[in-house]
Amino acid sequence: QMELEALRSIYEGDVCFRELSPVSFQYRIGENGDPKAFLIEVSWPETYPQTAPVISMDAFFNNTISSAIKQSILDKLMVEVEANLGTAMTYTLFEYAKDNKELLMENQPVNTVTSVSNSIATGTPDVPASKKKDKKEQLSKTQKRKLADKTDNKGELPRGWNWVDVIK
């Protein structure tokens, strides 16, 4: 209970920390968009802290990380767990991972997920964005006429067009 209260007060307002349940926590190491960012999930068994917490990296956020790197990170975190067995160690594990992020992810190749998802979504081979023109939505004559009627000669809506009509 004391460690739970301490974690809540320490990480209050920290966007990287998430309490999944009173005995399960997630912490994102690195910023959003950082290709070397990863997510650690720590769960406490019934006999914690006398026994080691369950550390997992199976979150969807970690899909870009190779399994060898995940195992390496888990092995290094388990060394920390062994050193702190018998004491409250969740904060220590998160801080160790934050402090040693570069060391833990040194062999991870830097890949961007966006290029993979774009090629999958379109179903076409990769074409540089500069060569590919975005198609503009074509308006019918009546749609153009209605748009012209609503706007002035500069294409801007008249002042107060979205104001609430109080009199009605």
N, C-alpha and C. Protein backbone atom coordinates (compact mmCIF):
# COMPACT_ATOMS: atom_id res chain seq x y z
N GLN A 1 0.83 -1.20 0.00
CA GLN A 1 0.00 0.00 0.00
C GLN A 1 0.86 1.26 0.00
N MET A 2 1.95 1.22 0.77
CA MET A 2 2.82 2.39 0.85
C MET A 2 3.48 2.65 -0.50
N GLU A 3 3.94 1.59 -1.16
CA GLU A 3 4.59 1.78 -2.47
C GLU A 3 3.57 2.28 -3.50
N LEU A 4 2.36 1.79 -3.42
CA LEU A 4 1.31 2.22 -4.34
C LEU A 4 1.06 3.72 -4.17
N GLU A 5 0.95 4.18 -2.93
CA GLU A 5 0.75 5.61 -2.67
C GLU A 5 1.95 6.43 -3.14
N ALA A 6 3.15 5.90 -2.92
CA ALA A 6 4.36 6.61 -3.34
C ALA A 6 4.40 6.74 -4.87
N LEU A 7 4.08 5.66 -5.58
CA LEU A 7 4.08 5.71 -7.05
C LEU A 7 3.05 6.71 -7.56
N ARG A 8 1.88 6.71 -6.95
CA ARG A 8 0.83 7.65 -7.38
C ARG A 8 1.27 9.10 -7.17
N SER A 9 1.92 9.37 -6.04
CA SER A 9 2.34 10.76 -5.78
C SER A 9 3.54 11.16 -6.64
N ILE A 10 4.47 10.24 -6.87
CA ILE A 10 5.66 10.57 -7.66
C ILE A 10 5.27 10.83 -9.12
N TYR A 11 4.46 9.96 -9.69
CA TYR A 11 4.15 10.04 -11.11
C TYR A 11 2.84 10.78 -11.41
N GLU A 12 2.32 11.50 -10.42
CA GLU A 12 1.08 12.26 -10.64
C GLU A 12 1.33 13.30 -11.73
N GLY A 13 0.53 13.25 -12.78
CA GLY A 13 0.68 14.19 -13.89
C GLY A 13 1.71 13.78 -14.93
N ASP A 14 2.40 12.68 -14.74
CA ASP A 14 3.38 12.19 -15.71
C ASP A 14 2.63 11.41 -16.78
N VAL A 15 2.71 11.87 -18.03
CA VAL A 15 1.97 11.21 -19.12
C VAL A 15 2.54 9.85 -19.48
N CYS A 16 3.77 9.59 -19.09
CA CYS A 16 4.41 8.30 -19.40
C CYS A 16 3.92 7.18 -18.49
N PHE A 17 3.40 7.52 -17.31
CA PHE A 17 3.01 6.53 -16.30
C PHE A 17 1.53 6.23 -16.40
N ARG A 18 1.19 4.92 -16.33
CA ARG A 18 -0.22 4.51 -16.30
C ARG A 18 -0.41 3.42 -15.27
N GLU A 19 -1.41 3.59 -14.43
CA GLU A 19 -1.77 2.56 -13.45
C GLU A 19 -2.90 1.74 -14.06
N LEU A 20 -2.60 0.50 -14.45
CA LEU A 20 -3.61 -0.36 -15.06
C LEU A 20 -4.55 -0.91 -14.00
N SER A 21 -3.99 -1.25 -12.84
CA SER A 21 -4.76 -1.73 -11.70
C SER A 21 -3.91 -1.41 -10.46
N PRO A 22 -4.41 -1.64 -9.26
CA PRO A 22 -3.59 -1.34 -8.07
C PRO A 22 -2.31 -2.18 -7.98
N VAL A 23 -2.18 -3.24 -8.79
CA VAL A 23 -0.96 -4.05 -8.74
C VAL A 23 -0.28 -4.15 -10.11
N SER A 24 -0.69 -3.34 -11.08
CA SER A 24 -0.11 -3.41 -12.42
C SER A 24 0.09 -2.00 -12.97
N PHE A 25 1.31 -1.74 -13.49
CA PHE A 25 1.68 -0.40 -13.93
C PHE A 25 2.42 -0.46 -15.26
N GLN A 26 2.27 0.60 -16.06
CA GLN A 26 3.01 0.74 -17.30
C GLN A 26 3.78 2.04 -17.26
N TYR A 27 4.97 2.03 -17.86
CA TYR A 27 5.75 3.25 -17.97
C TYR A 27 6.41 3.29 -19.34
N ARG A 28 6.22 4.43 -20.05
CA ARG A 28 6.83 4.59 -21.37
C ARG A 28 8.17 5.28 -21.19
N ILE A 29 9.20 4.64 -21.69
CA ILE A 29 10.54 5.20 -21.64
C ILE A 29 10.78 5.87 -22.99
N GLY A 30 10.99 7.18 -22.99
CA GLY A 30 11.19 7.93 -24.23
C GLY A 30 9.93 8.69 -24.60
N GLU A 31 10.09 9.63 -25.53
CA GLU A 31 8.98 10.48 -25.95
C GLU A 31 8.14 9.79 -27.02
N ASN A 32 6.92 10.25 -27.20
CA ASN A 32 6.08 9.77 -28.29
C ASN A 32 6.75 10.15 -29.61
N GLY A 33 6.81 9.22 -30.53
CA GLY A 33 7.46 9.48 -31.81
C GLY A 33 8.94 9.14 -31.81
N ASP A 34 9.53 8.91 -30.66
CA ASP A 34 10.93 8.51 -30.57
C ASP A 34 11.03 7.05 -31.01
N PRO A 35 11.83 6.75 -32.05
CA PRO A 35 11.90 5.36 -32.53
C PRO A 35 12.51 4.40 -31.51
N LYS A 36 13.21 4.93 -30.52
CA LYS A 36 13.81 4.07 -29.51
C LYS A 36 13.04 4.07 -28.20
N ALA A 37 11.81 4.53 -28.22
CA ALA A 37 10.96 4.52 -27.03
C ALA A 37 10.39 3.11 -26.84
N PHE A 38 10.17 2.72 -25.58
CA PHE A 38 9.58 1.41 -25.31
C PHE A 38 8.73 1.50 -24.05
N LEU A 39 7.91 0.47 -23.84
CA LEU A 39 6.95 0.46 -22.74
C LEU A 39 7.24 -0.74 -21.85
N ILE A 40 7.34 -0.49 -20.55
CA ILE A 40 7.56 -1.56 -19.57
C ILE A 40 6.30 -1.72 -18.76
N GLU A 41 5.88 -2.97 -18.56
CA GLU A 41 4.72 -3.24 -17.71
C GLU A 41 5.19 -4.07 -16.52
N VAL A 42 4.89 -3.58 -15.33
CA VAL A 42 5.29 -4.26 -14.09
C VAL A 42 4.02 -4.65 -13.33
N SER A 43 3.93 -5.93 -12.97
CA SER A 43 2.80 -6.43 -12.18
C SER A 43 3.32 -7.05 -10.90
N TRP A 44 2.62 -6.80 -9.81
CA TRP A 44 3.04 -7.34 -8.52
C TRP A 44 2.30 -8.64 -8.23
N PRO A 45 3.03 -9.73 -7.94
CA PRO A 45 2.35 -10.95 -7.48
C PRO A 45 1.94 -10.79 -6.00
N GLU A 46 1.24 -11.77 -5.48
CA GLU A 46 0.75 -11.71 -4.08
C GLU A 46 1.89 -11.53 -3.07
N THR A 47 3.03 -12.18 -3.31
CA THR A 47 4.13 -12.17 -2.33
C THR A 47 5.16 -11.08 -2.59
N TYR A 48 4.84 -10.11 -3.47
CA TYR A 48 5.75 -8.99 -3.72
C TYR A 48 5.90 -8.18 -2.44
N PRO A 49 7.03 -7.67 -2.06
CA PRO A 49 8.33 -7.57 -2.71
C PRO A 49 9.31 -8.71 -2.37
N GLN A 50 8.87 -9.73 -1.62
CA GLN A 50 9.77 -10.85 -1.34
C GLN A 50 10.07 -11.64 -2.62
N THR A 51 9.12 -11.68 -3.55
CA THR A 51 9.35 -12.32 -4.84
C THR A 51 9.42 -11.24 -5.91
N ALA A 52 10.00 -11.58 -7.03
CA ALA A 52 10.20 -10.62 -8.12
C ALA A 52 8.87 -10.24 -8.77
N PRO A 53 8.73 -8.98 -9.17
CA PRO A 53 7.53 -8.58 -9.90
C PRO A 53 7.58 -9.17 -11.32
N VAL A 54 6.43 -9.26 -11.96
CA VAL A 54 6.37 -9.76 -13.33
C VAL A 54 6.59 -8.57 -14.26
N ILE A 55 7.66 -8.63 -15.05
CA ILE A 55 7.98 -7.54 -15.97
C ILE A 55 7.67 -8.02 -17.38
N SER A 56 6.91 -7.22 -18.11
CA SER A 56 6.49 -7.61 -19.45
C SER A 56 6.77 -6.49 -20.44
N MET A 57 7.10 -6.87 -21.67
CA MET A 57 7.27 -5.91 -22.76
C MET A 57 6.40 -6.33 -23.94
N ASP A 58 5.25 -6.98 -23.65
CA ASP A 58 4.39 -7.51 -24.70
C ASP A 58 3.37 -6.49 -25.20
N ALA A 59 3.47 -5.25 -24.76
CA ALA A 59 2.50 -4.23 -25.17
C ALA A 59 2.61 -3.96 -26.67
N PHE A 60 1.51 -3.57 -27.29
CA PHE A 60 1.47 -3.27 -28.72
C PHE A 60 2.47 -2.18 -29.08
N PHE A 61 2.72 -1.25 -28.14
CA PHE A 61 3.66 -0.14 -28.35
C PHE A 61 5.05 -0.67 -28.72
N ASN A 62 5.41 -1.87 -28.22
CA ASN A 62 6.74 -2.43 -28.43
C ASN A 62 6.86 -3.31 -29.68
N ASN A 63 5.86 -3.30 -30.56
CA ASN A 63 5.89 -4.17 -31.73
C ASN A 63 7.07 -3.91 -32.66
N THR A 64 7.61 -2.70 -32.67
CA THR A 64 8.71 -2.39 -33.57
C THR A 64 10.06 -2.87 -33.02
N ILE A 65 10.09 -3.27 -31.77
CA ILE A 65 11.34 -3.69 -31.14
C ILE A 65 11.53 -5.19 -31.39
N SER A 66 12.76 -5.57 -31.77
CA SER A 66 13.02 -6.99 -32.02
C SER A 66 12.97 -7.78 -30.72
N SER A 67 12.66 -9.06 -30.83
CA SER A 67 12.52 -9.88 -29.62
C SER A 67 13.84 -10.02 -28.89
N ALA A 68 14.97 -9.98 -29.61
CA ALA A 68 16.28 -10.07 -28.96
C ALA A 68 16.52 -8.85 -28.07
N ILE A 69 16.15 -7.69 -28.56
CA ILE A 69 16.32 -6.45 -27.77
C ILE A 69 15.41 -6.50 -26.54
N LYS A 70 14.15 -6.95 -26.73
CA LYS A 70 13.22 -7.07 -25.60
C LYS A 70 13.80 -7.98 -24.53
N GLN A 71 14.34 -9.13 -24.96
CA GLN A 71 14.90 -10.09 -24.00
C GLN A 71 16.11 -9.48 -23.29
N SER A 72 16.92 -8.74 -24.03
CA SER A 72 18.09 -8.09 -23.43
C SER A 72 17.66 -7.08 -22.36
N ILE A 73 16.62 -6.30 -22.67
CA ILE A 73 16.11 -5.32 -21.69
C ILE A 73 15.58 -6.04 -20.46
N LEU A 74 14.81 -7.11 -20.68
CA LEU A 74 14.25 -7.87 -19.55
C LEU A 74 15.36 -8.47 -18.69
N ASP A 75 16.41 -8.99 -19.33
CA ASP A 75 17.54 -9.57 -18.59
C ASP A 75 18.21 -8.52 -17.71
N LYS A 76 18.43 -7.33 -18.27
CA LYS A 76 19.08 -6.26 -17.49
C LYS A 76 18.19 -5.79 -16.35
N LEU A 77 16.87 -5.75 -16.59
CA LEU A 77 15.94 -5.36 -15.52
C LEU A 77 15.89 -6.43 -14.43
N MET A 78 16.00 -7.70 -14.82
CA MET A 78 16.00 -8.78 -13.82
C MET A 78 17.22 -8.71 -12.91
N VAL A 79 18.36 -8.23 -13.44
CA VAL A 79 19.55 -8.04 -12.60
C VAL A 79 19.24 -7.00 -11.52
N GLU A 80 18.54 -5.92 -11.93
CA GLU A 80 18.13 -4.90 -10.96
C GLU A 80 17.15 -5.47 -9.93
N VAL A 81 16.24 -6.34 -10.39
CA VAL A 81 15.26 -6.96 -9.49
C VAL A 81 16.00 -7.79 -8.44
N GLU A 82 16.97 -8.59 -8.86
CA GLU A 82 17.74 -9.43 -7.93
C GLU A 82 18.42 -8.57 -6.88
N ALA A 83 18.97 -7.42 -7.30
CA ALA A 83 19.68 -6.55 -6.37
C ALA A 83 18.74 -5.91 -5.35
N ASN A 84 17.47 -5.71 -5.73
CA ASN A 84 16.53 -5.00 -4.85
C ASN A 84 15.47 -5.91 -4.25
N LEU A 85 15.66 -7.22 -4.32
CA LEU A 85 14.67 -8.16 -3.81
C LEU A 85 14.42 -7.91 -2.32
N GLY A 86 13.16 -7.89 -1.91
CA GLY A 86 12.81 -7.64 -0.52
C GLY A 86 12.46 -6.18 -0.25
N THR A 87 12.69 -5.30 -1.21
CA THR A 87 12.34 -3.89 -1.04
C THR A 87 11.39 -3.47 -2.15
N ALA A 88 10.75 -2.33 -1.96
CA ALA A 88 9.86 -1.79 -3.00
C ALA A 88 10.72 -1.33 -4.15
N MET A 89 10.52 -1.89 -5.35
CA MET A 89 11.47 -1.65 -6.44
C MET A 89 10.86 -1.13 -7.73
N THR A 90 9.57 -0.91 -7.79
CA THR A 90 8.95 -0.49 -9.06
C THR A 90 9.51 0.84 -9.53
N TYR A 91 9.58 1.82 -8.62
CA TYR A 91 10.15 3.12 -8.96
C TYR A 91 11.60 2.96 -9.43
N THR A 92 12.36 2.13 -8.73
CA THR A 92 13.77 1.90 -9.06
C THR A 92 13.89 1.33 -10.47
N LEU A 93 13.02 0.39 -10.83
CA LEU A 93 13.07 -0.21 -12.16
C LEU A 93 12.76 0.82 -13.25
N PHE A 94 11.73 1.64 -13.03
CA PHE A 94 11.37 2.65 -14.02
C PHE A 94 12.52 3.66 -14.19
N GLU A 95 13.10 4.09 -13.07
CA GLU A 95 14.19 5.07 -13.14
C GLU A 95 15.44 4.47 -13.79
N TYR A 96 15.74 3.19 -13.49
CA TYR A 96 16.88 2.51 -14.11
C TYR A 96 16.70 2.48 -15.62
N ALA A 97 15.48 2.14 -16.07
CA ALA A 97 15.21 2.06 -17.51
C ALA A 97 15.32 3.45 -18.15
N LYS A 98 14.83 4.49 -17.44
CA LYS A 98 14.94 5.86 -17.98
C LYS A 98 16.39 6.28 -18.10
N ASP A 99 17.18 6.03 -17.05
CA ASP A 99 18.58 6.45 -17.02
C ASP A 99 19.42 5.70 -18.05
N ASN A 100 19.09 4.44 -18.32
CA ASN A 100 19.90 3.61 -19.21
C ASN A 100 19.21 3.33 -20.55
N LYS A 101 18.32 4.21 -20.97
CA LYS A 101 17.56 4.00 -22.20
C LYS A 101 18.47 3.78 -23.40
N GLU A 102 19.48 4.61 -23.56
CA GLU A 102 20.38 4.48 -24.71
C GLU A 102 21.14 3.17 -24.67
N LEU A 103 21.60 2.76 -23.49
CA LEU A 103 22.32 1.50 -23.35
C LEU A 103 21.41 0.32 -23.66
N LEU A 104 20.16 0.37 -23.19
CA LEU A 104 19.22 -0.72 -23.40
C LEU A 104 18.83 -0.86 -24.87
N MET A 105 18.74 0.26 -25.59
CA MET A 105 18.26 0.24 -26.98
C MET A 105 19.38 0.46 -27.99
N GLU A 106 20.64 0.26 -27.59
CA GLU A 106 21.75 0.59 -28.48
C GLU A 106 21.77 -0.25 -29.76
N ASN A 107 21.31 -1.49 -29.72
CA ASN A 107 21.35 -2.35 -30.91
C ASN A 107 20.07 -2.30 -31.72
N GLN A 108 19.10 -1.50 -31.29
CA GLN A 108 17.83 -1.41 -32.00
C GLN A 108 18.00 -0.53 -33.24
N PRO A 109 17.74 -1.06 -34.44
CA PRO A 109 17.81 -0.22 -35.63
C PRO A 109 16.68 0.80 -35.60
N VAL A 110 16.95 1.97 -36.13
CA VAL A 110 15.95 3.04 -36.12
C VAL A 110 15.07 2.88 -37.35
N ASN A 111 13.84 2.44 -37.14
CA ASN A 111 12.86 2.30 -38.22
C ASN A 111 11.69 3.19 -37.90
N THR A 112 11.09 3.77 -38.92
CA THR A 112 9.89 4.55 -38.68
C THR A 112 8.69 3.72 -39.06
N VAL A 113 7.72 3.70 -38.19
CA VAL A 113 6.52 2.90 -38.39
C VAL A 113 5.63 3.54 -39.44
N THR A 114 5.68 4.85 -39.57
CA THR A 114 4.77 5.54 -40.48
C THR A 114 4.96 5.08 -41.92
N SER A 115 6.20 4.86 -42.37
CA SER A 115 6.40 4.46 -43.75
C SER A 115 5.82 3.07 -44.00
N VAL A 116 5.90 2.20 -43.02
CA VAL A 116 5.34 0.86 -43.17
C VAL A 116 3.82 0.93 -43.25
N SER A 117 3.20 1.70 -42.36
CA SER A 117 1.74 1.77 -42.34
C SER A 117 1.21 2.45 -43.60
N ASN A 118 1.93 3.43 -44.14
CA ASN A 118 1.46 4.08 -45.37
C ASN A 118 1.47 3.12 -46.54
N SER A 119 2.51 2.31 -46.67
CA SER A 119 2.57 1.40 -47.82
C SER A 119 1.52 0.30 -47.68
N ILE A 120 1.21 -0.09 -46.46
CA ILE A 120 0.19 -1.12 -46.26
C ILE A 120 -1.19 -0.53 -46.53
N ALA A 121 -1.41 0.69 -46.07
CA ALA A 121 -2.73 1.29 -46.20
C ALA A 121 -3.10 1.54 -47.67
N THR A 122 -2.14 2.00 -48.46
CA THR A 122 -2.46 2.31 -49.85
C THR A 122 -2.41 1.07 -50.73
N GLY A 123 -1.60 0.10 -50.39
CA GLY A 123 -1.51 -1.11 -51.18
C GLY A 123 -0.70 -0.91 -52.45
N THR A 124 0.04 0.18 -52.54
CA THR A 124 0.87 0.44 -53.71
C THR A 124 2.32 0.48 -53.29
N PRO A 125 3.23 0.30 -54.23
CA PRO A 125 4.64 0.39 -53.86
C PRO A 125 4.96 1.81 -53.40
N ASP A 126 6.06 1.92 -52.65
CA ASP A 126 6.43 3.23 -52.10
C ASP A 126 6.73 4.21 -53.23
N VAL A 127 6.03 5.32 -53.25
CA VAL A 127 6.25 6.39 -54.22
C VAL A 127 6.54 7.62 -53.39
N PRO A 128 7.62 8.34 -53.70
CA PRO A 128 7.89 9.55 -52.93
C PRO A 128 6.71 10.50 -52.94
N ALA A 129 6.44 11.12 -51.82
CA ALA A 129 5.26 11.97 -51.66
C ALA A 129 5.30 13.16 -52.60
N SER A 130 6.50 13.63 -52.98
CA SER A 130 6.58 14.80 -53.84
C SER A 130 6.05 14.51 -55.24
N LYS A 131 6.18 13.28 -55.74
CA LYS A 131 5.71 12.93 -57.08
C LYS A 131 4.21 12.64 -57.09
N LYS A 132 3.68 12.22 -55.96
CA LYS A 132 2.29 11.83 -55.88
C LYS A 132 1.43 13.06 -55.58
N LYS A 133 0.48 13.38 -56.47
CA LYS A 133 -0.37 14.55 -56.26
C LYS A 133 -1.64 14.12 -55.54
N ASP A 134 -2.04 14.92 -54.56
CA ASP A 134 -3.30 14.65 -53.87
C ASP A 134 -4.44 15.14 -54.75
N LYS A 135 -5.44 14.31 -54.93
CA LYS A 135 -6.59 14.70 -55.73
C LYS A 135 -7.50 15.60 -54.89
N LYS A 136 -7.91 16.70 -55.50
CA LYS A 136 -8.85 17.59 -54.84
C LYS A 136 -10.25 17.09 -55.09
N GLU A 137 -11.10 17.23 -54.11
CA GLU A 137 -12.48 16.80 -54.26
C GLU A 137 -13.16 17.73 -55.27
N GLN A 138 -13.79 17.15 -56.27
CA GLN A 138 -14.48 17.93 -57.30
C GLN A 138 -15.89 18.27 -56.83
N LEU A 139 -16.27 19.54 -56.95
CA LEU A 139 -17.60 19.98 -56.57
C LEU A 139 -18.47 20.06 -57.81
N SER A 140 -19.75 19.76 -57.64
CA SER A 140 -20.68 19.89 -58.76
C SER A 140 -21.03 21.36 -58.93
N LYS A 141 -21.71 21.69 -60.06
CA LYS A 141 -22.07 23.09 -60.32
C LYS A 141 -22.98 23.64 -59.23
N THR A 142 -23.92 22.82 -58.77
CA THR A 142 -24.84 23.30 -57.73
C THR A 142 -24.11 23.52 -56.41
N GLN A 143 -23.16 22.65 -56.11
CA GLN A 143 -22.38 22.83 -54.87
C GLN A 143 -21.56 24.11 -54.96
N LYS A 144 -20.97 24.37 -56.13
CA LYS A 144 -20.18 25.59 -56.31
C LYS A 144 -21.06 26.82 -56.20
N ARG A 145 -22.25 26.76 -56.78
CA ARG A 145 -23.17 27.89 -56.75
C ARG A 145 -23.59 28.20 -55.31
N LYS A 146 -23.93 27.14 -54.53
CA LYS A 146 -24.32 27.34 -53.13
C LYS A 146 -23.18 27.94 -52.33
N LEU A 147 -21.96 27.47 -52.58
CA LEU A 147 -20.79 27.99 -51.88
C LEU A 147 -20.58 29.46 -52.23
N ALA A 148 -20.76 29.81 -53.51
CA ALA A 148 -20.59 31.20 -53.95
C ALA A 148 -21.66 32.10 -53.35
N ASP A 149 -22.88 31.59 -53.20
CA ASP A 149 -23.96 32.38 -52.61
C ASP A 149 -23.70 32.69 -51.14
N LYS A 150 -23.05 31.75 -50.44
CA LYS A 150 -22.78 31.95 -49.00
C LYS A 150 -21.63 32.91 -48.77
N THR A 151 -20.70 33.00 -49.70
CA THR A 151 -19.49 33.79 -49.48
C THR A 151 -19.53 35.09 -50.26
N ASP A 152 -18.63 36.02 -49.90
CA ASP A 152 -18.54 37.28 -50.64
C ASP A 152 -17.60 37.08 -51.84
N ASN A 153 -17.25 38.17 -52.54
CA ASN A 153 -16.43 38.04 -53.75
C ASN A 153 -15.01 37.53 -53.48
N LYS A 154 -14.56 37.57 -52.24
CA LYS A 154 -13.22 37.09 -51.91
C LYS A 154 -13.23 35.62 -51.47
N GLY A 155 -14.39 35.02 -51.40
CA GLY A 155 -14.49 33.63 -50.97
C GLY A 155 -14.57 33.47 -49.46
N GLU A 156 -14.81 34.58 -48.74
CA GLU A 156 -14.90 34.52 -47.28
C GLU A 156 -16.36 34.61 -46.86
N LEU A 157 -16.68 33.95 -45.77
CA LEU A 157 -18.03 34.01 -45.23
C LEU A 157 -18.27 35.39 -44.61
N PRO A 158 -19.52 35.92 -44.68
CA PRO A 158 -19.78 37.25 -44.10
C PRO A 158 -19.61 37.23 -42.59
N ARG A 159 -19.31 38.40 -42.06
CA ARG A 159 -19.10 38.53 -40.62
C ARG A 159 -20.36 38.14 -39.88
N GLY A 160 -20.24 37.25 -38.89
CA GLY A 160 -21.35 36.86 -38.05
C GLY A 160 -22.18 35.72 -38.63
N TRP A 161 -21.69 35.01 -39.63
CA TRP A 161 -22.47 33.94 -40.28
C TRP A 161 -22.80 32.81 -39.32
N ASN A 162 -21.98 32.60 -38.29
CA ASN A 162 -22.23 31.51 -37.36
C ASN A 162 -22.75 31.99 -36.00
N TRP A 163 -23.17 33.24 -35.92
CA TRP A 163 -23.71 33.76 -34.67
C TRP A 163 -25.11 33.20 -34.44
N VAL A 164 -25.50 33.11 -33.19
CA VAL A 164 -26.83 32.64 -32.85
C VAL A 164 -27.82 33.79 -33.07
N ASP A 165 -28.91 33.48 -33.74
CA ASP A 165 -29.92 34.49 -33.99
C ASP A 165 -30.79 34.62 -32.74
N VAL A 166 -30.56 35.67 -31.95
CA VAL A 166 -31.22 35.84 -30.67
C VAL A 166 -32.68 36.18 -30.85
N ILE A 167 -33.02 36.94 -31.87
CA ILE A 167 -34.38 37.41 -32.07
C ILE A 167 -35.32 36.23 -32.34
N LYS A 168 -34.89 35.30 -33.16
CA LYS A 168 -35.76 34.15 -33.47
C LYS A 168 -35.96 33.33 -32.23
